[in-house]
Each structure stands twice: as C-alpha cells, then as structure tokens.
Amino acid sequence: MAKIVVLGAGLVGGVMAKDLSKQHEVTSVDILQKNLDKLSSINTICADISDKKTLHKIIANCDLVVGAVPGFMGYKMMKDVIEVGKNIVDISFYPEDPFGLDELAKVKGVIAVMDCGVAPGMGNIIFGHHDSKMKINDYECLVGGLPEKREWPYEYQAVFSPIDVIEEYVRPARFVKNSKMITKEALSDTELIEFDEIGTLESWNSDGLRTLIETMKHVPNMIEKTLRYPGCVEYLKVLRESGFFSYDKIEVDGKMVRPIDVTAKLLFPKWEMKKGDKDFTIMRIIMKGTENGEQVSYQYNLLDRYQDDTISMARTTGFTCTAVANLVVNEDYKRIGISPPEYLGEHFNFVKDYLEERGVNYKVKKIK
C-alpha cells in the first residue's frame, strides 16, 4: 500500500482519489472545502497548493503525487513536485512545453508522467502501442465529452476549469501533414461526422497532438479534432472574434480586467454539471500503415456513458491516470524524466484491462 497525495478534488480529481483509495492510503487536497466534503472516507486537506512551501509540506512523506489541478496551475505544480524528488502522474492540460522540466526531473531522479487522461492520454498509449508493432503513416483522433441532454444555448457542460475549456477555442491548432507541421486557428476545418448511437457531431481542429508532434516525428500524417454538437463552432467564433476570450486587459469603470475572466465567470454557471446531469465521452482513432508487410488499418471506438453515479469524463480521464499511477507505485514503469503517455505503449494491455474492470471499454477493429 502506497501513500498517494491527489492534488485537486474536483469532478475528476475526486473520482481518482476514490479509485486509488481502494488499494492505497490516499490524501486529497483542494482549496475548496466543498469539494473535499464529498470524500468522507478519505483523508483530506484544505489548502492552497499554489504556495510552494505548503505543497512541499503536504507531499513530504508520500510515495506518489497525482495532479488534477486546472491547466493554468499545472506546469508550476509539476515543477514544484519534481523539485522535492517526488514521482508524479498528472492530467493537467497546461500550455507550457512539458519537456522544459525533463532535465530537472532527471537530475532529481523523478518519474513524471504528464497529460495522462483520455486524449491526450489513452489515445497516446494506443498510438505508442501500435508504433512499436507497425509503421504508421496516418493517425487521426476525434474526441469529445458532451452532455446527454442538449440544452440551448450552448449544448455543452464542462467538467474542467472553464478557462481550460476556453483555451481550446483560442490556442492555435497544430497537426502534421506530409511530414510538415501545419498551424491553423482553433475551430477551423469543421466537418460533420456520423457516429453510431449518437448521430451527427461536428469536428474541428484543436491543439490535442501536443507531445506527439515531437515524439512521433517519423509519422507523416497526424491530426486530432474535437467533437461537439453541430452548430457550436459558429457562436464560439463570434465570441472569440468579439474579444470575449482575450487575455489582454481592458478598462471597465476605471478597473483593468481580462475579458476571459469575465467570460469564464459568466459561462461557468451555464456549463456547470448539476445534480442529475449525465454525459458521455466519444472517441474514434484510426491508424493506417504497414504491419508485417501488409497494409492495415486499426480503428478504436470509445463510447462511454455516465454510470455508477460518476460522470463519464471523470471515468475515462481519471481511470487512465489511476491505472498509470499504479504502474508507477508498483515499479512497473521506471523511466526517469518527463514521460508523455505515448511512452507507456508497452503497458497498453494493463491500462486497457484496468479500464475494462471499471466499465470503460475501447473496441478495436482491424482492417486488412
């Protein structure tokens, strides 16, 4: 039994703490007591871990740190954890280059797995698994988390920090075509795509490849697109072009404010999942290439729904992270330094089985 500290007790962090507590001694940390009150059977600490001294004191005696903080806090949190020589598995989707911490992690002898959710996360593990067995020429990942009930005006609910969600709408999207990196604005190249059981969804370019652009340079075509209900892209573009997602301060009644902070404050009550709300996670990965001298295509499909009183995005994201957390504390994964999830391809079967035990099922189809 390992001592694990989970930083962040929101919709995803709380689920991870509960899952890990079945096998380990877990302490959940959050700045909001209301989040911790939902974890009655787990040791909790209400604290601001953005303060380095506070964080270092909390994690001083643990075997592993699991990060589930908002993206804008993620990079600093990871650096602070690495500085005291603690291993970490993290789901924070931060904008900074994670390899900026690689040298520090190696000096400190730290195993640091980042982006360990669903996509990036499990999608990368699948990619890494097949990359070791075949020559991949094309990789496409379509992924989204959506509410079961479509409600005007947004037909969307957020399980992460609102600013993290908005960041997807403004951060330039990078993908690889014919071995060249191409950058387009987020929300570009929209397509309508049909999915079994769900119907028509809208896909658009988002910056989800992240580390794959560097670690899989030998793959000539790679793209990830986000899925939403049809029609969302137009109103998101209107908000973006009108400045509502801007980080540049403007003057309002003599005070300087960032429009994105106001927008997040206004949108969160409309995006917040409320009691009784249900969601689903959908992902389709298609990889094409050569295996054992034959042209092959692999298609992975995930359709996971709210169950066991737990939102799907918390299950699909959280259980991927807790699977990898177990690999690290059990010393089955020992790579020192920054590890994007594609480095864990050889552990694909363990993670897949772990997820299946919890009702998260990836269906695979091979086409020759």
Protein backbone atom coordinates (compact mmCIF):
# COMPACT_ATOMS: atom_id res chain seq x y z
CA MET A 1 0.00 0.00 0.00
CA ALA A 2 1.47 3.30 -1.14
CA LYS A 3 0.93 6.78 0.25
CA ILE A 4 -0.57 8.88 -2.54
CA VAL A 5 -1.47 12.59 -2.49
CA VAL A 6 -4.07 13.70 -5.05
CA LEU A 7 -3.90 17.43 -5.77
CA GLY A 8 -7.34 18.70 -6.78
CA ALA A 9 -10.70 17.26 -5.72
CA GLY A 10 -12.96 18.45 -8.50
CA LEU A 11 -15.16 16.23 -10.65
CA VAL A 12 -12.16 14.26 -11.93
CA GLY A 13 -9.75 14.52 -9.00
CA GLY A 14 -12.37 13.28 -6.57
CA VAL A 15 -13.06 10.19 -8.68
CA MET A 16 -9.34 9.42 -8.88
CA ALA A 17 -8.93 9.76 -5.11
CA LYS A 18 -11.80 7.30 -4.50
CA ASP A 19 -10.43 4.81 -7.02
CA LEU A 20 -6.89 4.91 -5.61
CA SER A 21 -8.15 4.64 -2.01
CA LYS A 22 -9.33 1.08 -2.75
CA GLN A 23 -5.69 -0.04 -2.75
CA HIS A 24 -3.67 2.79 -1.24
CA GLU A 25 -3.53 5.34 1.56
CA VAL A 26 -4.81 8.49 -0.15
CA THR A 27 -4.83 12.14 0.89
CA SER A 28 -6.94 14.50 -1.22
CA VAL A 29 -6.02 18.20 -1.32
CA ASP A 30 -8.13 21.09 -2.59
CA ILE A 31 -8.52 24.80 -1.93
CA LEU A 32 -12.32 24.39 -1.67
CA GLN A 33 -13.72 22.57 1.35
CA LYS A 34 -16.97 21.84 -0.51
CA ASN A 35 -15.05 19.60 -2.91
CA LEU A 36 -13.42 17.74 -0.04
CA ASP A 37 -16.72 17.25 1.79
CA LYS A 38 -17.72 14.75 -0.92
CA LEU A 39 -14.81 12.49 0.07
CA SER A 40 -15.94 11.45 3.55
CA SER A 41 -13.95 8.20 3.65
CA ILE A 42 -10.64 9.75 2.53
CA ASN A 43 -8.11 11.84 4.41
CA THR A 44 -8.44 15.44 3.18
CA ILE A 45 -6.51 18.70 3.49
CA CYS A 46 -7.95 22.08 2.57
CA ALA A 47 -5.01 24.14 1.37
CA ASP A 48 -3.69 26.39 -1.40
CA ILE A 49 -1.03 24.28 -3.12
CA SER A 50 -0.02 27.17 -5.38
CA ASP A 51 2.13 28.10 -2.37
CA LYS A 52 5.29 26.04 -2.80
CA LYS A 53 6.06 25.69 0.92
CA THR A 54 2.55 24.48 1.63
CA LEU A 55 2.74 21.95 -1.20
CA HIS A 56 6.15 20.66 -0.15
CA LYS A 57 4.96 20.12 3.41
CA ILE A 58 1.88 18.18 2.25
CA ILE A 59 3.78 15.82 -0.06
CA ALA A 60 6.87 15.39 2.14
CA ASN A 61 6.10 11.80 3.17
CA CYS A 62 4.16 10.47 0.18
CA ASP A 63 5.23 7.88 -2.39
CA LEU A 64 3.44 9.46 -5.34
CA VAL A 65 1.68 12.68 -6.29
CA VAL A 66 -1.30 12.67 -8.66
CA GLY A 67 -2.09 16.04 -10.26
CA ALA A 68 -5.63 17.13 -11.10
CA VAL A 69 -5.41 20.93 -10.93
CA PRO A 70 -6.56 23.45 -13.56
CA GLY A 71 -4.26 23.80 -16.55
CA PHE A 72 -3.08 27.30 -15.66
CA MET A 73 -1.61 25.86 -12.43
CA GLY A 74 -0.31 22.60 -13.91
CA TYR A 75 3.21 23.43 -15.04
CA LYS A 76 4.23 25.24 -11.84
CA MET A 77 2.66 22.50 -9.70
CA MET A 78 4.56 19.81 -11.59
CA LYS A 79 7.82 21.72 -11.25
CA ASP A 80 7.27 22.23 -7.51
CA VAL A 81 6.62 18.50 -7.05
CA ILE A 82 9.67 17.47 -9.07
CA GLU A 83 11.91 19.84 -7.09
CA VAL A 84 11.41 17.75 -3.94
CA GLY A 85 12.05 14.49 -5.75
CA LYS A 86 8.51 13.10 -5.75
CA ASN A 87 7.16 10.98 -8.61
CA ILE A 88 4.04 12.41 -10.24
CA VAL A 89 1.29 11.33 -12.64
CA ASP A 90 -0.69 14.30 -13.92
CA ILE A 91 -3.78 15.13 -16.00
CA SER A 92 -3.37 18.92 -16.06
CA PHE A 93 -3.60 20.20 -19.64
CA TYR A 94 -1.17 23.10 -19.39
CA PRO A 95 0.03 25.19 -22.35
CA GLU A 96 3.75 25.16 -21.49
CA ASP A 97 6.22 22.69 -23.04
CA PRO A 98 6.46 19.80 -20.54
CA PHE A 99 9.93 18.85 -21.76
CA GLY A 100 11.12 22.08 -20.17
CA LEU A 101 11.03 20.06 -16.93
CA ASP A 102 12.79 16.98 -18.32
CA GLU A 103 16.31 17.91 -17.20
CA LEU A 104 15.11 18.82 -13.69
CA ALA A 105 13.23 15.52 -13.41
CA LYS A 106 16.31 13.57 -14.47
CA VAL A 107 18.53 15.41 -12.00
CA LYS A 108 16.04 14.68 -9.22
CA GLY A 109 15.52 11.07 -10.31
CA VAL A 110 11.79 11.65 -10.75
CA ILE A 111 9.27 9.71 -12.85
CA ALA A 112 6.87 12.36 -14.20
CA VAL A 113 4.01 11.24 -16.45
CA MET A 114 2.01 14.13 -17.90
CA ASP A 115 -1.20 14.52 -19.98
CA CYS A 116 -2.39 11.19 -18.59
CA GLY A 117 -6.12 11.45 -19.36
CA VAL A 118 -8.25 10.29 -22.26
CA ALA A 119 -6.96 12.45 -25.13
CA PRO A 120 -4.22 13.28 -24.65
CA GLY A 121 -3.71 10.16 -22.57
CA MET A 122 -5.19 6.83 -23.54
CA GLY A 123 -5.13 7.87 -27.20
CA ASN A 124 -1.36 8.36 -26.91
CA ILE A 125 -0.92 4.99 -25.18
CA ILE A 126 -2.79 3.32 -28.05
CA PHE A 127 -0.57 5.20 -30.52
CA GLY A 128 2.61 4.14 -28.71
CA HIS A 129 1.42 0.53 -28.54
CA HIS A 130 0.94 0.30 -32.32
CA ASP A 131 4.01 2.37 -33.16
CA SER A 132 6.16 -0.43 -31.73
CA LYS A 133 4.45 -3.04 -33.93
CA MET A 134 3.88 -1.33 -37.28
CA LYS A 135 4.90 1.57 -39.50
CA ILE A 136 2.14 4.13 -39.04
CA ASN A 137 1.51 6.55 -41.90
CA ASP A 138 -1.72 8.15 -40.74
CA TYR A 139 -3.11 8.85 -37.26
CA GLU A 140 -6.46 10.57 -36.69
CA CYS A 141 -8.16 11.07 -33.34
CA LEU A 142 -11.65 12.53 -32.97
CA VAL A 143 -12.72 13.05 -29.37
CA GLY A 144 -15.24 14.90 -27.25
CA GLY A 145 -17.11 14.92 -23.96
CA LEU A 146 -20.75 16.03 -24.21
CA PRO A 147 -23.91 16.22 -22.11
CA GLU A 148 -26.59 13.61 -22.81
CA LYS A 149 -29.20 16.37 -22.75
CA ARG A 150 -28.83 19.11 -25.35
CA GLU A 151 -29.85 22.43 -23.79
CA TRP A 152 -29.87 25.82 -25.50
CA PRO A 153 -27.80 27.92 -25.91
CA TYR A 154 -24.53 26.02 -25.50
CA GLU A 155 -25.43 22.30 -25.61
CA TYR A 156 -22.28 21.78 -23.57
CA GLN A 157 -21.18 21.21 -19.98
CA ALA A 158 -17.67 21.48 -18.57
CA VAL A 159 -16.04 19.09 -16.14
CA PHE A 160 -12.77 21.05 -16.14
CA SER A 161 -11.88 24.63 -15.32
CA PRO A 162 -13.83 26.97 -17.66
CA ILE A 163 -10.65 28.80 -18.66
CA ASP A 164 -9.09 25.46 -19.65
CA VAL A 165 -12.07 24.80 -21.91
CA ILE A 166 -11.93 28.28 -23.44
CA GLU A 167 -8.20 27.79 -24.07
CA GLU A 168 -9.14 25.09 -26.59
CA TYR A 169 -11.03 27.72 -28.57
CA VAL A 170 -8.12 30.17 -28.81
CA ARG A 171 -4.90 28.13 -28.78
CA PRO A 172 -3.65 27.60 -32.37
CA ALA A 173 -4.15 24.02 -33.54
CA ARG A 174 -1.11 22.09 -34.78
CA PHE A 175 -1.22 18.98 -36.92
CA VAL A 176 1.16 17.15 -39.25
CA LYS A 177 0.56 16.62 -42.96
CA ASN A 178 3.12 15.06 -45.30
CA SER A 179 5.72 15.28 -42.51
CA LYS A 180 5.26 19.05 -42.15
CA MET A 181 3.73 20.74 -39.12
CA ILE A 182 0.79 22.94 -40.02
CA THR A 183 -0.71 25.50 -37.69
CA LYS A 184 -4.26 26.77 -38.08
CA GLU A 185 -6.55 28.70 -35.80
CA ALA A 186 -8.62 26.66 -33.40
CA LEU A 187 -12.19 25.87 -34.56
CA SER A 188 -11.06 25.60 -38.19
CA ASP A 189 -11.82 22.90 -40.80
CA THR A 190 -15.19 21.89 -39.42
CA GLU A 191 -16.72 18.60 -40.56
CA LEU A 192 -19.99 16.82 -39.81
CA ILE A 193 -19.43 13.18 -38.87
CA GLU A 194 -21.88 10.38 -38.10
CA PHE A 195 -21.45 8.16 -35.05
CA ASP A 196 -23.42 5.05 -34.12
CA GLU A 197 -25.85 5.58 -31.21
CA ILE A 198 -25.07 9.33 -31.14
CA GLY A 199 -25.82 10.68 -34.61
CA THR A 200 -24.17 13.71 -36.19
CA LEU A 201 -21.40 15.59 -34.42
CA GLU A 202 -19.22 18.49 -35.54
CA SER A 203 -15.42 18.18 -35.53
CA TRP A 204 -12.87 20.99 -35.62
CA ASN A 205 -9.12 21.49 -35.29
CA SER A 206 -7.80 21.66 -31.75
CA ASP A 207 -4.28 21.50 -30.33
CA GLY A 208 -4.55 17.97 -28.97
CA LEU A 209 -1.49 16.31 -30.55
CA ARG A 210 0.85 18.11 -28.17
CA THR A 211 3.90 15.92 -27.47
CA LEU A 212 3.13 13.57 -30.37
CA ILE A 213 4.43 16.25 -32.75
CA GLU A 214 7.91 15.77 -31.26
CA THR A 215 7.90 12.13 -30.16
CA MET A 216 6.30 10.71 -33.33
CA LYS A 217 8.13 12.76 -35.96
CA HIS A 218 8.51 9.65 -38.11
CA VAL A 219 4.72 9.51 -38.66
CA PRO A 220 3.93 11.71 -41.70
CA ASN A 221 0.24 12.44 -41.01
CA MET A 222 -1.24 13.14 -37.58
CA ILE A 223 -4.29 15.11 -36.51
CA GLU A 224 -6.64 15.43 -33.56
CA LYS A 225 -10.02 17.13 -33.73
CA THR A 226 -12.54 17.97 -31.01
CA LEU A 227 -16.17 16.88 -31.22
CA ARG A 228 -19.20 18.96 -30.25
CA TYR A 229 -22.87 19.08 -31.17
CA PRO A 230 -23.43 20.69 -34.60
CA GLY A 231 -23.62 24.47 -34.64
CA CYS A 232 -21.32 25.25 -31.72
CA VAL A 233 -18.38 26.45 -33.80
CA GLU A 234 -20.17 29.50 -35.21
CA TYR A 235 -21.14 31.01 -31.87
CA LEU A 236 -17.71 30.23 -30.39
CA LYS A 237 -16.10 32.08 -33.30
CA VAL A 238 -18.41 35.05 -32.70
CA LEU A 239 -17.39 35.17 -29.02
CA ARG A 240 -13.71 34.81 -29.89
CA GLU A 241 -13.73 37.44 -32.61
CA SER A 242 -15.60 39.84 -30.34
CA GLY A 243 -12.82 39.62 -27.77
CA PHE A 244 -14.60 37.66 -25.06
CA PHE A 245 -11.76 35.10 -24.89
CA SER A 246 -8.98 37.68 -24.80
CA TYR A 247 -6.31 37.68 -22.07
CA ASP A 248 -5.46 41.34 -22.79
CA LYS A 249 -6.81 43.62 -20.07
CA ILE A 250 -9.36 46.27 -20.90
CA GLU A 251 -10.63 49.18 -18.79
CA VAL A 252 -14.12 48.89 -17.33
CA ASP A 253 -15.27 51.68 -14.98
CA GLY A 254 -11.69 52.53 -14.13
CA LYS A 255 -10.65 48.94 -13.43
CA MET A 256 -8.47 46.73 -15.61
CA VAL A 257 -9.99 43.31 -16.28
CA ARG A 258 -9.24 40.37 -18.57
CA PRO A 259 -12.26 39.59 -20.80
CA ILE A 260 -11.58 35.85 -20.47
CA ASP A 261 -12.05 36.06 -16.69
CA VAL A 262 -15.42 37.75 -17.11
CA THR A 263 -16.46 35.26 -19.80
CA ALA A 264 -15.46 32.30 -17.64
CA LYS A 265 -17.38 33.75 -14.70
CA LEU A 266 -20.50 34.17 -16.85
CA LEU A 267 -20.28 30.84 -18.65
CA PHE A 268 -19.41 28.53 -15.77
CA PRO A 269 -22.91 28.57 -14.21
CA LYS A 270 -24.33 27.66 -17.64
CA TRP A 271 -21.68 24.98 -18.28
CA GLU A 272 -21.57 23.52 -14.78
CA MET A 273 -22.82 19.96 -14.41
CA LYS A 274 -25.62 19.85 -11.87
CA LYS A 275 -27.09 17.01 -9.86
CA GLY A 276 -28.82 14.57 -12.18
CA ASP A 277 -26.96 15.69 -15.29
CA LYS A 278 -25.36 12.94 -17.36
CA ASP A 279 -22.65 12.96 -20.01
CA PHE A 280 -20.86 10.73 -22.48
CA THR A 281 -17.34 10.52 -23.88
CA ILE A 282 -16.80 9.60 -27.51
CA MET A 283 -13.52 8.89 -29.27
CA ARG A 284 -12.57 7.39 -32.60
CA ILE A 285 -8.96 6.68 -33.50
CA ILE A 286 -7.93 5.48 -36.95
CA MET A 287 -4.36 4.41 -37.68
CA LYS A 288 -3.19 3.30 -41.11
CA GLY A 289 0.14 1.83 -42.10
CA THR A 290 2.17 -1.29 -42.77
CA GLU A 291 2.36 -4.31 -40.48
CA ASN A 292 4.23 -7.50 -41.34
CA GLY A 293 4.40 -6.38 -44.95
CA GLU A 294 0.64 -5.78 -45.24
CA GLN A 295 -1.39 -2.57 -45.48
CA VAL A 296 -3.56 -2.44 -42.36
CA SER A 297 -5.91 -0.07 -40.59
CA TYR A 298 -6.85 -0.11 -36.93
CA GLN A 299 -9.94 1.67 -35.62
CA TYR A 300 -10.56 2.21 -31.91
CA ASN A 301 -14.01 3.30 -30.76
CA LEU A 302 -14.96 4.52 -27.32
CA LEU A 303 -18.49 5.43 -26.28
CA ASP A 304 -18.66 5.71 -22.52
CA ARG A 305 -21.67 7.00 -20.62
CA TYR A 306 -22.40 8.27 -17.14
CA GLN A 307 -22.65 5.33 -14.76
CA ASP A 308 -22.19 4.36 -11.11
CA ASP A 309 -23.14 7.91 -10.16
CA THR A 310 -19.98 9.13 -11.91
CA ILE A 311 -19.65 11.35 -14.96
CA SER A 312 -18.08 9.70 -17.99
CA MET A 313 -15.30 12.24 -18.47
CA ALA A 314 -14.13 11.63 -14.91
CA ARG A 315 -14.15 7.87 -15.53
CA THR A 316 -12.37 7.90 -18.89
CA THR A 317 -9.83 10.53 -17.81
CA GLY A 318 -9.45 9.59 -14.17
CA PHE A 319 -9.14 5.82 -14.51
CA THR A 320 -6.45 6.14 -17.18
CA CYS A 321 -4.50 8.27 -14.74
CA THR A 322 -5.03 5.92 -11.78
CA ALA A 323 -4.00 2.93 -13.91
CA VAL A 324 -0.69 4.64 -14.67
CA ALA A 325 -0.36 5.72 -11.02
CA ASN A 326 -0.47 2.04 -10.08
CA LEU A 327 2.18 1.22 -12.68
CA VAL A 328 4.48 3.82 -11.11
CA VAL A 329 3.96 2.91 -7.43
CA ASN A 330 4.28 -0.80 -8.25
CA GLU A 331 7.57 -0.01 -10.02
CA ASP A 332 6.37 -1.45 -13.30
CA TYR A 333 7.12 1.87 -15.01
CA LYS A 334 10.51 3.29 -14.09
CA ARG A 335 11.51 5.77 -16.79
CA ILE A 336 13.14 8.80 -15.18
CA GLY A 337 12.28 12.20 -16.63
CA ILE A 338 9.21 13.63 -18.34
CA SER A 339 7.05 10.91 -19.89
CA PRO A 340 4.23 11.78 -22.26
CA PRO A 341 1.70 8.94 -22.28
CA GLU A 342 2.84 7.57 -25.65
CA TYR A 343 5.96 6.33 -23.81
CA LEU A 344 3.69 3.86 -22.00
CA GLY A 345 2.67 1.97 -25.13
CA GLU A 346 4.17 -1.27 -23.82
CA HIS A 347 1.73 -1.08 -20.89
CA PHE A 348 -1.31 -0.73 -23.14
CA ASN A 349 -2.83 -4.07 -22.13
CA PHE A 350 -2.53 -3.31 -18.41
CA VAL A 351 -4.23 0.09 -18.82
CA LYS A 352 -6.91 -1.34 -21.14
CA ASP A 353 -7.71 -4.15 -18.67
CA TYR A 354 -7.76 -1.69 -15.76
CA LEU A 355 -10.26 0.47 -17.62
CA GLU A 356 -12.40 -2.51 -18.60
CA GLU A 357 -12.65 -3.59 -14.96
CA ARG A 358 -14.23 -0.19 -14.36
CA GLY A 359 -16.58 -0.37 -17.34
CA VAL A 360 -14.59 1.77 -19.78
CA ASN A 361 -14.28 -0.25 -22.98
CA TYR A 362 -12.25 0.52 -26.10
CA LYS A 363 -13.44 -1.54 -29.06
CA VAL A 364 -10.84 -2.24 -31.75
CA LYS A 365 -11.34 -3.29 -35.36
CA LYS A 366 -8.52 -4.33 -37.68
CA ILE A 367 -8.98 -3.95 -41.42
CA LYS A 368 -6.55 -5.51 -43.91
